[in-house]
Amino acid sequence: LPFNEEAKLKKSFLWQAMPFVRAKHYNSVAPVWSFGGAMSLRYTAEAYTKSLLEIAQ
């Protein structure tokens, strides 16, 4: 699901002033189903890992 306020956020002075944004050290995370116990935790961890590895490249 897209983040509906993404364009508004990226235009924000506060967002643009953050050091990690200036260094382009941010990324979106794929949506995951959060109701499902341990498997949901696994899918969430995998989504975070994938996003962080994309930043590192």
PDB file of N, CA and C in Angstrom:
ATOM      1  N   LEU A   1       0.830  -1.178   0.000  1.00  0.00           N
ATOM      2  CA  LEU A   1       0.000   0.000   0.000  1.00  0.00           C
ATOM      3  C   LEU A   1       0.878   1.246   0.000  1.00  0.00           C
ATOM      4  N   PRO A   2       0.556   2.191  -0.821  1.00  0.00           N
ATOM      5  CA  PRO A   2       1.359   3.415  -0.845  1.00  0.00           C
ATOM      6  C   PRO A   2       1.089   4.281   0.387  1.00  0.00           C
ATOM      7  N   PHE A   3       2.059   5.076   0.739  1.00  0.00           N
ATOM      8  CA  PHE A   3       1.912   6.047   1.825  1.00  0.00           C
ATOM      9  C   PHE A   3       1.301   7.300   1.212  1.00  0.00           C
ATOM     10  N   ASN A   4       0.051   7.563   1.518  1.00  0.00           N
ATOM     11  CA  ASN A   4      -0.694   8.642   0.861  1.00  0.00           C
ATOM     12  C   ASN A   4      -0.118  10.032   1.094  1.00  0.00           C
ATOM     13  N   GLU A   5       0.592  10.227   2.161  1.00  0.00           N
ATOM     14  CA  GLU A   5       1.130  11.547   2.495  1.00  0.00           C
ATOM     15  C   GLU A   5       2.609  11.695   2.133  1.00  0.00           C
ATOM     16  N   GLU A   6       3.132  10.770   1.336  1.00  0.00           N
ATOM     17  CA  GLU A   6       4.565  10.790   1.022  1.00  0.00           C
ATOM     18  C   GLU A   6       5.005  12.089   0.351  1.00  0.00           C
ATOM     19  N   ALA A   7       4.271  12.542  -0.636  1.00  0.00           N
ATOM     20  CA  ALA A   7       4.651  13.770  -1.343  1.00  0.00           C
ATOM     21  C   ALA A   7       4.651  14.963  -0.395  1.00  0.00           C
ATOM     22  N   LYS A   8       3.648  15.033   0.465  1.00  0.00           N
ATOM     23  CA  LYS A   8       3.560  16.127   1.437  1.00  0.00           C
ATOM     24  C   LYS A   8       4.733  16.069   2.416  1.00  0.00           C
ATOM     25  N   LEU A   9       5.061  14.867   2.863  1.00  0.00           N
ATOM     26  CA  LEU A   9       6.177  14.697   3.792  1.00  0.00           C
ATOM     27  C   LEU A   9       7.489  15.149   3.164  1.00  0.00           C
ATOM     28  N   LYS A  10       7.736  14.727   1.930  1.00  0.00           N
ATOM     29  CA  LYS A  10       9.006  15.046   1.275  1.00  0.00           C
ATOM     30  C   LYS A  10       9.175  16.538   0.997  1.00  0.00           C
ATOM     31  N   LYS A  11       8.072  17.285   0.943  1.00  0.00           N
ATOM     32  CA  LYS A  11       8.145  18.736   0.759  1.00  0.00           C
ATOM     33  C   LYS A  11       8.350  19.473   2.080  1.00  0.00           C
ATOM     34  N   SER A  12       8.161  18.780   3.173  1.00  0.00           N
ATOM     35  CA  SER A  12       8.246  19.391   4.496  1.00  0.00           C
ATOM     36  C   SER A  12       9.661  19.886   4.796  1.00  0.00           C
ATOM     37  N   PHE A  13       9.753  21.093   5.332  1.00  0.00           N
ATOM     38  CA  PHE A  13      11.045  21.658   5.730  1.00  0.00           C
ATOM     39  C   PHE A  13      11.713  20.782   6.780  1.00  0.00           C
ATOM     40  N   LEU A  14      10.934  20.308   7.748  1.00  0.00           N
ATOM     41  CA  LEU A  14      11.485  19.470   8.816  1.00  0.00           C
ATOM     42  C   LEU A  14      12.085  18.187   8.248  1.00  0.00           C
ATOM     43  N   TRP A  15      11.380  17.527   7.334  1.00  0.00           N
ATOM     44  CA  TRP A  15      11.878  16.296   6.714  1.00  0.00           C
ATOM     45  C   TRP A  15      13.183  16.564   5.977  1.00  0.00           C
ATOM     46  N   GLN A  16      13.208  17.610   5.190  1.00  0.00           N
ATOM     47  CA  GLN A  16      14.394  17.931   4.394  1.00  0.00           C
ATOM     48  C   GLN A  16      15.586  18.337   5.250  1.00  0.00           C
ATOM     49  N   ALA A  17      15.340  18.786   6.473  1.00  0.00           N
ATOM     50  CA  ALA A  17      16.419  19.213   7.362  1.00  0.00           C
ATOM     51  C   ALA A  17      17.062  18.060   8.126  1.00  0.00           C
ATOM     52  N   MET A  18      16.445  16.897   8.120  1.00  0.00           N
ATOM     53  CA  MET A  18      16.981  15.766   8.885  1.00  0.00           C
ATOM     54  C   MET A  18      18.253  15.228   8.230  1.00  0.00           C
ATOM     55  N   PRO A  19      19.305  14.998   9.026  1.00  0.00           N
ATOM     56  CA  PRO A  19      20.591  14.551   8.474  1.00  0.00           C
ATOM     57  C   PRO A  19      20.501  13.259   7.658  1.00  0.00           C
ATOM     58  N   PHE A  20      19.714  12.292   8.099  1.00  0.00           N
ATOM     59  CA  PHE A  20      19.637  11.037   7.346  1.00  0.00           C
ATOM     60  C   PHE A  20      18.944  11.225   6.005  1.00  0.00           C
ATOM     61  N   VAL A  21      18.058  12.211   5.911  1.00  0.00           N
ATOM     62  CA  VAL A  21      17.401  12.506   4.632  1.00  0.00           C
ATOM     63  C   VAL A  21      18.396  13.181   3.699  1.00  0.00           C
ATOM     64  N   ARG A  22      19.138  14.131   4.222  1.00  0.00           N
ATOM     65  CA  ARG A  22      20.151  14.817   3.407  1.00  0.00           C
ATOM     66  C   ARG A  22      21.186  13.844   2.862  1.00  0.00           C
ATOM     67  N   ALA A  23      21.506  12.816   3.643  1.00  0.00           N
ATOM     68  CA  ALA A  23      22.479  11.806   3.217  1.00  0.00           C
ATOM     69  C   ALA A  23      21.830  10.687   2.403  1.00  0.00           C
ATOM     70  N   LYS A  24      20.517  10.782   2.192  1.00  0.00           N
ATOM     71  CA  LYS A  24      19.737   9.770   1.457  1.00  0.00           C
ATOM     72  C   LYS A  24      19.851   8.386   2.099  1.00  0.00           C
ATOM     73  N   HIS A  25      19.827   8.361   3.426  1.00  0.00           N
ATOM     74  CA  HIS A  25      19.884   7.108   4.179  1.00  0.00           C
ATOM     75  C   HIS A  25      18.511   6.738   4.712  1.00  0.00           C
ATOM     76  N   TYR A  26      17.550   6.640   3.827  1.00  0.00           N
ATOM     77  CA  TYR A  26      16.204   6.217   4.200  1.00  0.00           C
ATOM     78  C   TYR A  26      15.605   5.431   3.044  1.00  0.00           C
ATOM     79  N   ASN A  27      14.597   4.655   3.348  1.00  0.00           N
ATOM     80  CA  ASN A  27      13.947   3.831   2.340  1.00  0.00           C
ATOM     81  C   ASN A  27      12.572   3.450   2.865  1.00  0.00           C
ATOM     82  N   SER A  28      11.680   3.096   1.990  1.00  0.00           N
ATOM     83  CA  SER A  28      10.374   2.609   2.428  1.00  0.00           C
ATOM     84  C   SER A  28      10.482   1.117   2.748  1.00  0.00           C
ATOM     85  N   VAL A  29       9.504   0.631   3.474  1.00  0.00           N
ATOM     86  CA  VAL A  29       9.447  -0.784   3.844  1.00  0.00           C
ATOM     87  C   VAL A  29       8.162  -1.357   3.261  1.00  0.00           C
ATOM     88  N   ALA A  30       8.256  -2.509   2.646  1.00  0.00           N
ATOM     89  CA  ALA A  30       7.082  -3.155   2.062  1.00  0.00           C
ATOM     90  C   ALA A  30       6.039  -3.449   3.141  1.00  0.00           C
ATOM     91  N   PRO A  31       4.764  -3.341   2.803  1.00  0.00           N
ATOM     92  CA  PRO A  31       3.727  -3.643   3.794  1.00  0.00           C
ATOM     93  C   PRO A  31       3.706  -5.133   4.129  1.00  0.00           C
ATOM     94  N   VAL A  32       3.439  -5.440   5.383  1.00  0.00           N
ATOM     95  CA  VAL A  32       3.309  -6.833   5.822  1.00  0.00           C
ATOM     96  C   VAL A  32       2.072  -6.960   6.698  1.00  0.00           C
ATOM     97  N   TRP A  33       1.500  -8.137   6.716  1.00  0.00           N
ATOM     98  CA  TRP A  33       0.347  -8.419   7.556  1.00  0.00           C
ATOM     99  C   TRP A  33       0.843  -8.586   8.986  1.00  0.00           C
ATOM    100  N   SER A  34       0.324  -7.782   9.906  1.00  0.00           N
ATOM    101  CA  SER A  34       0.868  -7.771  11.264  1.00  0.00           C
ATOM    102  C   SER A  34       0.107  -8.643  12.255  1.00  0.00           C
ATOM    103  N   PHE A  35      -0.899  -9.350  11.804  1.00  0.00           N
ATOM    104  CA  PHE A  35      -1.665 -10.221  12.692  1.00  0.00           C
ATOM    105  C   PHE A  35      -1.382 -11.665  12.314  1.00  0.00           C
ATOM    106  N   GLY A  36      -0.639 -12.365  13.153  1.00  0.00           N
ATOM    107  CA  GLY A  36      -0.326 -13.739  12.823  1.00  0.00           C
ATOM    108  C   GLY A  36       0.792 -14.314  13.660  1.00  0.00           C
ATOM    109  N   GLY A  37       1.084 -13.686  14.770  1.00  0.00           N
ATOM    110  CA  GLY A  37       2.063 -14.250  15.686  1.00  0.00           C
ATOM    111  C   GLY A  37       3.477 -14.228  15.158  1.00  0.00           C
ATOM    112  N   ALA A  38       4.173 -15.330  15.406  1.00  0.00           N
ATOM    113  CA  ALA A  38       5.599 -15.418  15.091  1.00  0.00           C
ATOM    114  C   ALA A  38       5.884 -15.248  13.601  1.00  0.00           C
ATOM    115  N   MET A  39       5.026 -15.754  12.756  1.00  0.00           N
ATOM    116  CA  MET A  39       5.273 -15.626  11.313  1.00  0.00           C
ATOM    117  C   MET A  39       5.188 -14.164  10.870  1.00  0.00           C
ATOM    118  N   SER A  40       4.295 -13.407  11.479  1.00  0.00           N
ATOM    119  CA  SER A  40       4.217 -11.982  11.157  1.00  0.00           C
ATOM    120  C   SER A  40       5.502 -11.269  11.549  1.00  0.00           C
ATOM    121  N   LEU A  41       6.061 -11.643  12.693  1.00  0.00           N
ATOM    122  CA  LEU A  41       7.342 -11.060  13.107  1.00  0.00           C
ATOM    123  C   LEU A  41       8.437 -11.391  12.105  1.00  0.00           C
ATOM    124  N   ARG A  42       8.416 -12.609  11.620  1.00  0.00           N
ATOM    125  CA  ARG A  42       9.423 -13.019  10.630  1.00  0.00           C
ATOM    126  C   ARG A  42       9.282 -12.200   9.352  1.00  0.00           C
ATOM    127  N   TYR A  43       8.051 -12.067   8.840  1.00  0.00           N
ATOM    128  CA  TYR A  43       7.835 -11.316   7.602  1.00  0.00           C
ATOM    129  C   TYR A  43       8.210  -9.844   7.775  1.00  0.00           C
ATOM    130  N   THR A  44       7.917  -9.291   8.957  1.00  0.00           N
ATOM    131  CA  THR A  44       8.286  -7.909   9.241  1.00  0.00           C
ATOM    132  C   THR A  44       9.804  -7.758   9.258  1.00  0.00           C
ATOM    133  N   ALA A  45      10.488  -8.671   9.919  1.00  0.00           N
ATOM    134  CA  ALA A  45      11.954  -8.635   9.971  1.00  0.00           C
ATOM    135  C   ALA A  45      12.555  -8.764   8.575  1.00  0.00           C
ATOM    136  N   GLU A  46      11.985  -9.623   7.754  1.00  0.00           N
ATOM    137  CA  GLU A  46      12.484  -9.782   6.387  1.00  0.00           C
ATOM    138  C   GLU A  46      12.283  -8.505   5.575  1.00  0.00           C
ATOM    139  N   ALA A  47      11.139  -7.845   5.750  1.00  0.00           N
ATOM    140  CA  ALA A  47      10.871  -6.599   5.027  1.00  0.00           C
ATOM    141  C   ALA A  47      11.845  -5.507   5.461  1.00  0.00           C
ATOM    142  N   TYR A  48      12.095  -5.402   6.776  1.00  0.00           N
ATOM    143  CA  TYR A  48      13.062  -4.420   7.280  1.00  0.00           C
ATOM    144  C   TYR A  48      14.460  -4.716   6.754  1.00  0.00           C
ATOM    145  N   THR A  49      14.838  -5.977   6.775  1.00  0.00           N
ATOM    146  CA  THR A  49      16.165  -6.374   6.303  1.00  0.00           C
ATOM    147  C   THR A  49      16.353  -6.014   4.841  1.00  0.00           C
ATOM    148  N   LYS A  50      15.361  -6.328   4.018  1.00  0.00           N
ATOM    149  CA  LYS A  50      15.444  -6.020   2.592  1.00  0.00           C
ATOM    150  C   LYS A  50      15.596  -4.516   2.370  1.00  0.00           C
ATOM    151  N   SER A  51      14.807  -3.729   3.089  1.00  0.00           N
ATOM    152  CA  SER A  51      14.871  -2.282   2.943  1.00  0.00           C
ATOM    153  C   SER A  51      16.233  -1.734   3.367  1.00  0.00           C
ATOM    154  N   LEU A  52      16.756  -2.211   4.491  1.00  0.00           N
ATOM    155  CA  LEU A  52      18.061  -1.744   4.969  1.00  0.00           C
ATOM    156  C   LEU A  52      19.194  -2.146   4.031  1.00  0.00           C
ATOM    157  N   LEU A  53      19.107  -3.337   3.463  1.00  0.00           N
ATOM    158  CA  LEU A  53      20.142  -3.769   2.522  1.00  0.00           C
ATOM    159  C   LEU A  53      20.121  -2.937   1.245  1.00  0.00           C
ATOM    160  N   GLU A  54      18.937  -2.483   0.835  1.00  0.00           N
ATOM    161  CA  GLU A  54      18.848  -1.616  -0.338  1.00  0.00           C
ATOM    162  C   GLU A  54      19.548  -0.282  -0.083  1.00  0.00           C
ATOM    163  N   ILE A  55      19.441   0.226   1.135  1.00  0.00           N
ATOM    164  CA  ILE A  55      20.117   1.481   1.480  1.00  0.00           C
ATOM    165  C   ILE A  55      21.631   1.292   1.438  1.00  0.00           C
ATOM    166  N   ALA A  56      22.093   0.144   1.903  1.00  0.00           N
ATOM    167  CA  ALA A  56      23.531  -0.120   2.008  1.00  0.00           C
ATOM    168  C   ALA A  56      24.213  -0.251   0.648  1.00  0.00           C
ATOM    169  N   GLN A  57      23.467  -0.498  -0.381  1.00  0.00           N
ATOM    170  CA  GLN A  57      24.084  -0.693  -1.704  1.00  0.00           C
ATOM    171  C   GLN A  57      24.504   0.594  -2.336  1.00  0.00           C
TER     172      GLN A  57
END
